[in-house]
N, C-alpha and C. Protein backbone atom coordinates (compact mmCIF):
# COMPACT_ATOMS: atom_id res chain seq x y z
N MET A 1 -171.32 -169.64 85.59
CA MET A 1 -170.12 -169.26 86.31
C MET A 1 -168.89 -169.67 85.50
N LEU A 2 -168.01 -168.76 85.33
CA LEU A 2 -166.78 -169.03 84.58
C LEU A 2 -165.81 -169.79 85.45
N LYS A 3 -165.33 -170.92 84.94
CA LYS A 3 -164.40 -171.75 85.69
C LYS A 3 -163.02 -171.68 85.05
N ASN A 4 -162.02 -171.99 85.86
CA ASN A 4 -160.66 -172.08 85.33
C ASN A 4 -160.56 -173.25 84.38
N LEU A 5 -159.50 -173.29 83.63
CA LEU A 5 -159.28 -174.35 82.66
C LEU A 5 -159.12 -175.70 83.33
N PRO A 6 -159.53 -176.77 82.64
CA PRO A 6 -159.25 -178.09 83.19
C PRO A 6 -157.75 -178.36 83.19
N ALA A 7 -157.35 -179.36 83.92
CA ALA A 7 -155.93 -179.69 84.03
C ALA A 7 -155.35 -179.98 82.65
N ARG A 8 -154.11 -179.60 82.49
CA ARG A 8 -153.40 -179.85 81.23
C ARG A 8 -153.09 -181.34 81.11
N PRO A 9 -153.43 -181.94 79.96
CA PRO A 9 -153.02 -183.34 79.75
C PRO A 9 -151.50 -183.44 79.74
N ARG A 10 -151.00 -184.61 79.99
CA ARG A 10 -149.55 -184.81 80.02
C ARG A 10 -148.95 -184.60 78.63
N LEU A 11 -147.70 -184.22 78.61
CA LEU A 11 -146.96 -184.06 77.37
C LEU A 11 -146.81 -185.44 76.72
N SER A 12 -146.99 -185.51 75.42
CA SER A 12 -146.87 -186.77 74.72
C SER A 12 -146.15 -186.57 73.39
N PRO A 13 -144.83 -186.60 73.41
CA PRO A 13 -144.08 -186.33 72.19
C PRO A 13 -144.15 -187.45 71.15
N GLN A 14 -144.74 -188.61 71.49
CA GLN A 14 -144.78 -189.69 70.50
C GLN A 14 -146.00 -189.60 69.58
N PHE A 15 -147.02 -188.85 69.94
CA PHE A 15 -148.23 -188.78 69.12
C PHE A 15 -148.08 -187.74 68.02
N THR A 16 -148.61 -188.06 66.86
CA THR A 16 -148.64 -187.12 65.75
C THR A 16 -150.07 -187.07 65.24
N HIS A 17 -150.69 -185.94 65.41
CA HIS A 17 -152.05 -185.74 64.92
C HIS A 17 -152.08 -184.56 63.96
N ARG A 18 -153.09 -184.55 63.12
CA ARG A 18 -153.34 -183.42 62.23
C ARG A 18 -154.60 -182.73 62.76
N ILE A 19 -154.43 -181.50 63.21
CA ILE A 19 -155.53 -180.73 63.78
C ILE A 19 -155.70 -179.44 63.00
N THR A 20 -156.93 -179.18 62.59
CA THR A 20 -157.24 -177.94 61.87
C THR A 20 -158.08 -177.05 62.77
N VAL A 21 -157.73 -175.78 62.79
CA VAL A 21 -158.51 -174.77 63.50
C VAL A 21 -159.29 -173.99 62.44
N VAL A 22 -160.61 -173.96 62.58
CA VAL A 22 -161.45 -173.14 61.71
C VAL A 22 -161.91 -171.96 62.57
N ALA A 23 -161.45 -170.76 62.20
CA ALA A 23 -161.67 -169.58 63.03
C ALA A 23 -162.34 -168.46 62.26
N SER A 24 -163.22 -167.76 62.94
CA SER A 24 -163.92 -166.62 62.37
C SER A 24 -163.00 -165.40 62.30
N ARG A 25 -163.12 -164.65 61.23
CA ARG A 25 -162.41 -163.36 61.15
C ARG A 25 -163.22 -162.26 61.85
N TYR A 26 -164.52 -162.47 61.97
CA TYR A 26 -165.38 -161.49 62.64
C TYR A 26 -165.05 -161.49 64.14
N ASN A 27 -164.98 -160.34 64.73
CA ASN A 27 -164.54 -160.17 66.13
C ASN A 27 -163.13 -160.73 66.31
N GLU A 28 -162.30 -160.48 65.32
CA GLU A 28 -160.95 -161.03 65.27
C GLU A 28 -160.08 -160.64 66.47
N GLU A 29 -160.33 -159.47 67.04
CA GLU A 29 -159.51 -159.05 68.18
C GLU A 29 -159.69 -159.99 69.38
N PHE A 30 -160.77 -160.75 69.40
CA PHE A 30 -160.98 -161.74 70.46
C PHE A 30 -160.73 -163.16 69.96
N VAL A 31 -161.01 -163.41 68.70
CA VAL A 31 -160.83 -164.76 68.15
C VAL A 31 -159.35 -165.09 67.98
N GLN A 32 -158.58 -164.19 67.43
CA GLN A 32 -157.17 -164.48 67.13
C GLN A 32 -156.35 -164.86 68.37
N PRO A 33 -156.53 -164.19 69.50
CA PRO A 33 -155.80 -164.65 70.69
C PRO A 33 -156.16 -166.07 71.12
N MET A 34 -157.40 -166.47 70.91
CA MET A 34 -157.78 -167.86 71.22
C MET A 34 -157.10 -168.82 70.25
N VAL A 35 -157.03 -168.43 68.99
CA VAL A 35 -156.36 -169.28 67.99
C VAL A 35 -154.88 -169.44 68.36
N ILE A 36 -154.23 -168.35 68.67
CA ILE A 36 -152.80 -168.39 69.03
C ILE A 36 -152.58 -169.28 70.24
N GLN A 37 -153.41 -169.11 71.26
CA GLN A 37 -153.27 -169.93 72.48
C GLN A 37 -153.53 -171.41 72.18
N ALA A 38 -154.52 -171.71 71.33
CA ALA A 38 -154.82 -173.10 70.97
C ALA A 38 -153.62 -173.73 70.26
N LEU A 39 -153.04 -173.02 69.31
CA LEU A 39 -151.89 -173.54 68.57
C LEU A 39 -150.69 -173.76 69.49
N GLN A 40 -150.45 -172.82 70.39
CA GLN A 40 -149.34 -172.96 71.34
C GLN A 40 -149.56 -174.17 72.26
N GLU A 41 -150.80 -174.37 72.70
CA GLU A 41 -151.09 -175.49 73.60
C GLU A 41 -150.91 -176.83 72.88
N ILE A 42 -151.35 -176.91 71.65
CA ILE A 42 -151.16 -178.14 70.88
C ILE A 42 -149.67 -178.43 70.72
N THR A 43 -148.91 -177.42 70.38
CA THR A 43 -147.46 -177.58 70.21
C THR A 43 -146.80 -178.02 71.51
N LEU A 44 -147.27 -177.49 72.61
CA LEU A 44 -146.72 -177.86 73.92
C LEU A 44 -147.05 -179.31 74.27
N LEU A 45 -148.30 -179.72 74.03
CA LEU A 45 -148.75 -181.06 74.42
C LEU A 45 -148.28 -182.15 73.47
N GLU A 46 -148.27 -181.84 72.19
CA GLU A 46 -147.89 -182.82 71.17
C GLU A 46 -147.03 -182.15 70.11
N PRO A 47 -145.76 -181.98 70.40
CA PRO A 47 -144.88 -181.22 69.51
C PRO A 47 -144.77 -181.77 68.09
N LEU A 48 -145.10 -183.04 67.88
CA LEU A 48 -145.02 -183.63 66.54
C LEU A 48 -146.29 -183.45 65.73
N SER A 49 -147.34 -182.98 66.37
CA SER A 49 -148.61 -182.79 65.66
C SER A 49 -148.52 -181.64 64.67
N LYS A 50 -149.30 -181.74 63.61
CA LYS A 50 -149.36 -180.71 62.57
C LYS A 50 -150.66 -179.93 62.73
N THR A 51 -150.57 -178.62 62.62
CA THR A 51 -151.77 -177.79 62.72
C THR A 51 -151.90 -176.90 61.49
N GLU A 52 -153.13 -176.55 61.22
CA GLU A 52 -153.45 -175.66 60.10
C GLU A 52 -154.59 -174.76 60.56
N VAL A 53 -154.61 -173.53 60.07
CA VAL A 53 -155.70 -172.61 60.39
C VAL A 53 -156.42 -172.23 59.11
N VAL A 54 -157.74 -172.32 59.15
CA VAL A 54 -158.59 -171.90 58.04
C VAL A 54 -159.50 -170.81 58.58
N HIS A 55 -159.61 -169.70 57.85
CA HIS A 55 -160.41 -168.57 58.33
C HIS A 55 -161.76 -168.51 57.61
N ALA A 56 -162.80 -168.36 58.41
CA ALA A 56 -164.16 -168.14 57.91
C ALA A 56 -164.49 -166.66 58.06
N PRO A 57 -165.37 -166.13 57.20
CA PRO A 57 -165.74 -164.72 57.36
C PRO A 57 -166.36 -164.43 58.72
N GLY A 58 -167.25 -165.31 59.17
CA GLY A 58 -167.92 -165.14 60.46
C GLY A 58 -168.20 -166.49 61.07
N SER A 59 -168.81 -166.49 62.23
CA SER A 59 -169.10 -167.75 62.92
C SER A 59 -170.10 -168.61 62.16
N PHE A 60 -171.04 -167.99 61.48
CA PHE A 60 -172.06 -168.76 60.77
C PHE A 60 -171.44 -169.63 59.67
N GLU A 61 -170.33 -169.22 59.11
CA GLU A 61 -169.68 -169.97 58.03
C GLU A 61 -168.73 -171.06 58.54
N ILE A 62 -168.48 -171.10 59.83
CA ILE A 62 -167.56 -172.09 60.40
C ILE A 62 -168.01 -173.53 60.11
N PRO A 63 -169.29 -173.90 60.31
CA PRO A 63 -169.66 -175.29 60.02
C PRO A 63 -169.43 -175.71 58.57
N PHE A 64 -169.74 -174.83 57.63
CA PHE A 64 -169.52 -175.17 56.22
C PHE A 64 -168.04 -175.46 55.96
N LEU A 65 -167.17 -174.57 56.41
CA LEU A 65 -165.74 -174.78 56.19
C LEU A 65 -165.22 -175.98 56.97
N THR A 66 -165.78 -176.23 58.13
CA THR A 66 -165.40 -177.42 58.90
C THR A 66 -165.70 -178.67 58.10
N ARG A 67 -166.89 -178.73 57.53
CA ARG A 67 -167.28 -179.90 56.74
C ARG A 67 -166.37 -180.08 55.52
N GLN A 68 -166.04 -178.97 54.86
CA GLN A 68 -165.16 -179.03 53.70
C GLN A 68 -163.76 -179.47 54.09
N VAL A 69 -163.24 -178.95 55.19
CA VAL A 69 -161.91 -179.33 55.66
C VAL A 69 -161.87 -180.83 55.95
N ILE A 70 -162.89 -181.34 56.62
CA ILE A 70 -162.92 -182.77 56.93
C ILE A 70 -162.98 -183.59 55.65
N LYS A 71 -163.80 -183.16 54.71
CA LYS A 71 -163.95 -183.89 53.45
C LYS A 71 -162.66 -183.88 52.63
N LEU A 72 -162.03 -182.74 52.52
CA LEU A 72 -160.89 -182.59 51.62
C LEU A 72 -159.54 -182.87 52.27
N SER A 73 -159.35 -182.46 53.53
CA SER A 73 -158.05 -182.59 54.19
C SER A 73 -157.96 -183.77 55.15
N LYS A 74 -159.10 -184.24 55.60
CA LYS A 74 -159.17 -185.39 56.52
C LYS A 74 -158.29 -185.22 57.77
N PRO A 75 -158.48 -184.13 58.52
CA PRO A 75 -157.72 -183.97 59.76
C PRO A 75 -158.21 -184.96 60.81
N ASP A 76 -157.41 -185.16 61.83
CA ASP A 76 -157.80 -186.04 62.94
C ASP A 76 -158.84 -185.35 63.83
N ALA A 77 -158.77 -184.02 63.92
CA ALA A 77 -159.73 -183.25 64.71
C ALA A 77 -159.79 -181.82 64.16
N VAL A 78 -160.91 -181.16 64.46
CA VAL A 78 -161.09 -179.77 64.07
C VAL A 78 -161.49 -178.99 65.32
N ILE A 79 -160.92 -177.81 65.47
CA ILE A 79 -161.30 -176.90 66.55
C ILE A 79 -161.97 -175.70 65.91
N CYS A 80 -163.20 -175.42 66.29
CA CYS A 80 -163.95 -174.28 65.75
C CYS A 80 -163.90 -173.14 66.77
N ILE A 81 -163.43 -171.98 66.32
CA ILE A 81 -163.26 -170.85 67.23
C ILE A 81 -163.94 -169.61 66.65
N GLY A 82 -164.79 -168.99 67.46
CA GLY A 82 -165.47 -167.77 67.05
C GLY A 82 -166.04 -167.06 68.25
N VAL A 83 -166.44 -165.82 68.04
CA VAL A 83 -167.07 -165.02 69.09
C VAL A 83 -168.31 -164.36 68.50
N ILE A 84 -169.43 -164.58 69.16
CA ILE A 84 -170.70 -163.96 68.77
C ILE A 84 -171.16 -163.12 69.96
N PHE A 85 -171.47 -161.86 69.72
CA PHE A 85 -171.96 -161.00 70.79
C PHE A 85 -173.48 -160.88 70.72
N GLN A 86 -174.10 -160.99 71.90
CA GLN A 86 -175.54 -160.78 72.00
C GLN A 86 -175.83 -159.34 71.59
N GLY A 87 -176.85 -159.18 70.78
CA GLY A 87 -177.26 -157.83 70.39
C GLY A 87 -178.64 -157.55 70.94
N GLU A 88 -179.29 -156.59 70.34
CA GLU A 88 -180.62 -156.20 70.79
C GLU A 88 -181.71 -157.08 70.19
N THR A 89 -181.36 -157.88 69.19
CA THR A 89 -182.34 -158.77 68.56
C THR A 89 -181.95 -160.22 68.84
N GLY A 90 -182.72 -161.15 68.34
CA GLY A 90 -182.44 -162.56 68.53
C GLY A 90 -181.47 -163.15 67.52
N HIS A 91 -180.90 -162.31 66.66
CA HIS A 91 -180.01 -162.79 65.59
C HIS A 91 -178.83 -163.61 66.13
N ALA A 92 -178.20 -163.14 67.18
CA ALA A 92 -177.04 -163.84 67.74
C ALA A 92 -177.44 -165.22 68.26
N ASP A 93 -178.60 -165.31 68.88
CA ASP A 93 -179.09 -166.61 69.37
C ASP A 93 -179.32 -167.58 68.22
N LEU A 94 -179.87 -167.08 67.12
CA LEU A 94 -180.10 -167.93 65.96
C LEU A 94 -178.78 -168.45 65.38
N ILE A 95 -177.82 -167.57 65.26
CA ILE A 95 -176.51 -167.97 64.74
C ILE A 95 -175.86 -168.98 65.67
N ALA A 96 -175.85 -168.69 66.96
CA ALA A 96 -175.21 -169.59 67.92
C ALA A 96 -175.86 -170.97 67.92
N ALA A 97 -177.17 -171.00 67.90
CA ALA A 97 -177.87 -172.29 67.89
C ALA A 97 -177.59 -173.06 66.60
N SER A 98 -177.60 -172.37 65.48
CA SER A 98 -177.32 -173.02 64.20
C SER A 98 -175.91 -173.57 64.14
N VAL A 99 -174.96 -172.80 64.59
CA VAL A 99 -173.56 -173.23 64.59
C VAL A 99 -173.38 -174.43 65.51
N THR A 100 -173.96 -174.37 66.68
CA THR A 100 -173.84 -175.47 67.64
C THR A 100 -174.42 -176.76 67.08
N GLU A 101 -175.62 -176.68 66.54
CA GLU A 101 -176.26 -177.87 65.98
C GLU A 101 -175.45 -178.43 64.82
N ALA A 102 -174.97 -177.57 63.95
CA ALA A 102 -174.21 -178.02 62.78
C ALA A 102 -172.88 -178.65 63.19
N ILE A 103 -172.18 -178.05 64.13
CA ILE A 103 -170.90 -178.61 64.59
C ILE A 103 -171.10 -180.00 65.16
N CYS A 104 -172.12 -180.16 65.98
CA CYS A 104 -172.41 -181.48 66.57
C CYS A 104 -172.74 -182.49 65.48
N ARG A 105 -173.58 -182.11 64.55
CA ARG A 105 -173.98 -183.02 63.47
C ARG A 105 -172.78 -183.43 62.62
N ILE A 106 -171.94 -182.47 62.27
CA ILE A 106 -170.76 -182.76 61.45
C ILE A 106 -169.85 -183.75 62.16
N SER A 107 -169.63 -183.54 63.44
CA SER A 107 -168.77 -184.42 64.21
C SER A 107 -169.30 -185.85 64.22
N VAL A 108 -170.58 -186.00 64.49
CA VAL A 108 -171.18 -187.33 64.56
C VAL A 108 -171.22 -188.00 63.19
N GLU A 109 -171.60 -187.25 62.18
CA GLU A 109 -171.72 -187.83 60.83
C GLU A 109 -170.38 -188.21 60.22
N THR A 110 -169.35 -187.45 60.51
CA THR A 110 -168.03 -187.72 59.90
C THR A 110 -167.13 -188.56 60.80
N LEU A 111 -167.56 -188.79 62.03
CA LEU A 111 -166.74 -189.50 63.03
C LEU A 111 -165.40 -188.80 63.23
N THR A 112 -165.44 -187.48 63.17
CA THR A 112 -164.26 -186.65 63.40
C THR A 112 -164.53 -185.76 64.60
N PRO A 113 -163.67 -185.74 65.58
CA PRO A 113 -163.90 -184.83 66.71
C PRO A 113 -163.88 -183.37 66.24
N VAL A 114 -164.95 -182.67 66.55
CA VAL A 114 -165.04 -181.25 66.24
C VAL A 114 -165.29 -180.54 67.57
N ILE A 115 -164.34 -179.75 67.98
CA ILE A 115 -164.39 -179.07 69.26
C ILE A 115 -165.06 -177.71 69.09
N HIS A 116 -166.03 -177.45 69.92
CA HIS A 116 -166.86 -176.24 69.83
C HIS A 116 -166.30 -175.16 70.75
N ALA A 117 -165.69 -174.14 70.17
CA ALA A 117 -165.22 -172.98 70.92
C ALA A 117 -165.73 -171.70 70.25
N VAL A 118 -166.99 -171.76 69.80
CA VAL A 118 -167.66 -170.58 69.26
C VAL A 118 -168.49 -170.03 70.41
N LEU A 119 -168.04 -168.92 70.95
CA LEU A 119 -168.62 -168.38 72.18
C LEU A 119 -169.73 -167.38 71.90
N LEU A 120 -170.84 -167.51 72.61
CA LEU A 120 -171.92 -166.53 72.59
C LEU A 120 -171.78 -165.72 73.87
N LEU A 121 -171.42 -164.45 73.73
CA LEU A 121 -171.08 -163.62 74.89
C LEU A 121 -171.98 -162.39 74.97
N ARG A 122 -172.17 -161.92 76.19
CA ARG A 122 -173.02 -160.73 76.40
C ARG A 122 -172.29 -159.43 76.09
N ASN A 123 -170.97 -159.40 76.37
CA ASN A 123 -170.27 -158.12 76.25
C ASN A 123 -168.77 -158.34 76.11
N GLU A 124 -168.06 -157.24 75.93
CA GLU A 124 -166.60 -157.31 75.75
C GLU A 124 -165.89 -157.72 77.03
N GLU A 125 -166.46 -157.43 78.18
CA GLU A 125 -165.85 -157.87 79.44
C GLU A 125 -165.77 -159.40 79.49
N GLN A 126 -166.85 -160.06 79.12
CA GLN A 126 -166.83 -161.52 79.05
C GLN A 126 -165.80 -162.00 78.02
N ALA A 127 -165.74 -161.31 76.90
CA ALA A 127 -164.79 -161.69 75.85
C ALA A 127 -163.35 -161.55 76.32
N ARG A 128 -163.04 -160.46 76.98
CA ARG A 128 -161.67 -160.27 77.48
C ARG A 128 -161.29 -161.39 78.44
N GLU A 129 -162.21 -161.76 79.32
CA GLU A 129 -161.93 -162.79 80.32
C GLU A 129 -161.73 -164.16 79.69
N ARG A 130 -162.47 -164.47 78.64
CA ARG A 130 -162.45 -165.80 78.04
C ARG A 130 -161.51 -165.94 76.85
N CYS A 131 -161.12 -164.81 76.27
CA CYS A 131 -160.36 -164.86 75.02
C CYS A 131 -158.94 -164.31 75.12
N LEU A 132 -158.70 -163.38 76.02
CA LEU A 132 -157.43 -162.67 76.01
C LEU A 132 -156.44 -163.14 77.06
N GLY A 133 -156.90 -163.70 78.14
CA GLY A 133 -156.00 -164.11 79.21
C GLY A 133 -155.49 -165.52 79.02
N ASN A 134 -154.74 -165.99 79.99
CA ASN A 134 -154.22 -167.36 79.97
C ASN A 134 -154.97 -168.28 80.92
N GLU A 135 -155.51 -167.73 82.00
CA GLU A 135 -156.15 -168.55 83.02
C GLU A 135 -157.44 -169.21 82.55
N LYS A 136 -158.21 -168.51 81.76
CA LYS A 136 -159.53 -169.01 81.36
C LYS A 136 -159.72 -168.94 79.85
N ASN A 137 -158.64 -168.94 79.12
CA ASN A 137 -158.69 -168.80 77.67
C ASN A 137 -159.33 -170.04 77.05
N ARG A 138 -160.42 -169.83 76.33
CA ARG A 138 -161.16 -170.95 75.77
C ARG A 138 -160.46 -171.57 74.55
N GLY A 139 -159.47 -170.90 74.00
CA GLY A 139 -158.64 -171.51 72.96
C GLY A 139 -157.77 -172.61 73.54
N ILE A 140 -157.20 -172.35 74.71
CA ILE A 140 -156.40 -173.36 75.41
C ILE A 140 -157.29 -174.54 75.77
N GLU A 141 -158.47 -174.25 76.29
CA GLU A 141 -159.41 -175.30 76.68
C GLU A 141 -159.79 -176.17 75.47
N ALA A 142 -160.03 -175.54 74.34
CA ALA A 142 -160.40 -176.28 73.13
C ALA A 142 -159.24 -177.18 72.67
N ALA A 143 -158.02 -176.66 72.72
CA ALA A 143 -156.85 -177.47 72.33
C ALA A 143 -156.70 -178.67 73.24
N ARG A 144 -156.87 -178.47 74.53
CA ARG A 144 -156.77 -179.58 75.47
C ARG A 144 -157.86 -180.62 75.20
N ALA A 145 -159.06 -180.16 74.90
CA ALA A 145 -160.15 -181.09 74.59
C ALA A 145 -159.84 -181.90 73.34
N ALA A 146 -159.30 -181.24 72.32
CA ALA A 146 -158.97 -181.94 71.07
C ALA A 146 -157.90 -183.00 71.32
N VAL A 147 -156.86 -182.65 72.02
CA VAL A 147 -155.78 -183.60 72.31
C VAL A 147 -156.32 -184.75 73.14
N GLU A 148 -157.11 -184.44 74.14
CA GLU A 148 -157.62 -185.49 75.02
C GLU A 148 -158.53 -186.46 74.27
N ILE A 149 -159.42 -185.95 73.43
CA ILE A 149 -160.32 -186.86 72.72
C ILE A 149 -159.54 -187.70 71.71
N LEU A 150 -158.53 -187.16 71.08
CA LEU A 150 -157.72 -187.95 70.16
C LEU A 150 -156.97 -189.06 70.90
N ARG A 151 -156.51 -188.77 72.08
CA ARG A 151 -155.83 -189.79 72.87
C ARG A 151 -156.81 -190.88 73.32
N VAL A 152 -158.02 -190.48 73.71
CA VAL A 152 -159.03 -191.46 74.08
C VAL A 152 -159.38 -192.34 72.89
N MET A 153 -159.54 -191.72 71.73
CA MET A 153 -159.84 -192.49 70.52
C MET A 153 -158.73 -193.50 70.23
N ARG A 154 -157.49 -193.10 70.44
CA ARG A 154 -156.36 -194.00 70.20
C ARG A 154 -156.46 -195.22 71.11
N THR A 155 -156.85 -195.03 72.37
CA THR A 155 -156.95 -196.17 73.28
C THR A 155 -158.12 -197.08 72.90
N ILE A 156 -159.19 -196.50 72.38
CA ILE A 156 -160.34 -197.31 71.96
C ILE A 156 -159.97 -198.16 70.75
N THR A 157 -159.25 -197.60 69.81
CA THR A 157 -158.92 -198.32 68.57
C THR A 157 -157.77 -199.31 68.75
N THR A 158 -157.03 -199.21 69.84
CA THR A 158 -155.90 -200.13 70.04
C THR A 158 -156.25 -201.29 70.97
N ARG A 159 -157.49 -201.41 71.34
CA ARG A 159 -157.90 -202.51 72.24
C ARG A 159 -158.07 -203.79 71.46
């Protein structure tokens, strides 16, 4: 069941984070609106934070570029955004499972928050609902998750 977005974290103009969005160019008509919404949400929540966007050819390449971005740029967090559509074969399931496992592993191994917004969807109707609107846009949700986890990490390290 599709739920509305979680509550927006409070505005915090004193925090400065470096957040990179790694986004797929494949299914760009659905991915790009999520990227735009994620960037706008980060700017709204933490106006001093710096953001960067890196484009991958498809969702399968997102983990590789995420790992490289963390290694070379050392962002505070990474948001991975992509759209995978279910097809007639199991290919989409294989890609989605591989991407999910890799994103989780990269986050744990590098101790860098990596937010998973690579969506496995059945059809364009699901994509429109999750990618194009404002009420349930998963780009906004991913940005909020990134900001929230960075704030939690800050409280853990300042104890």
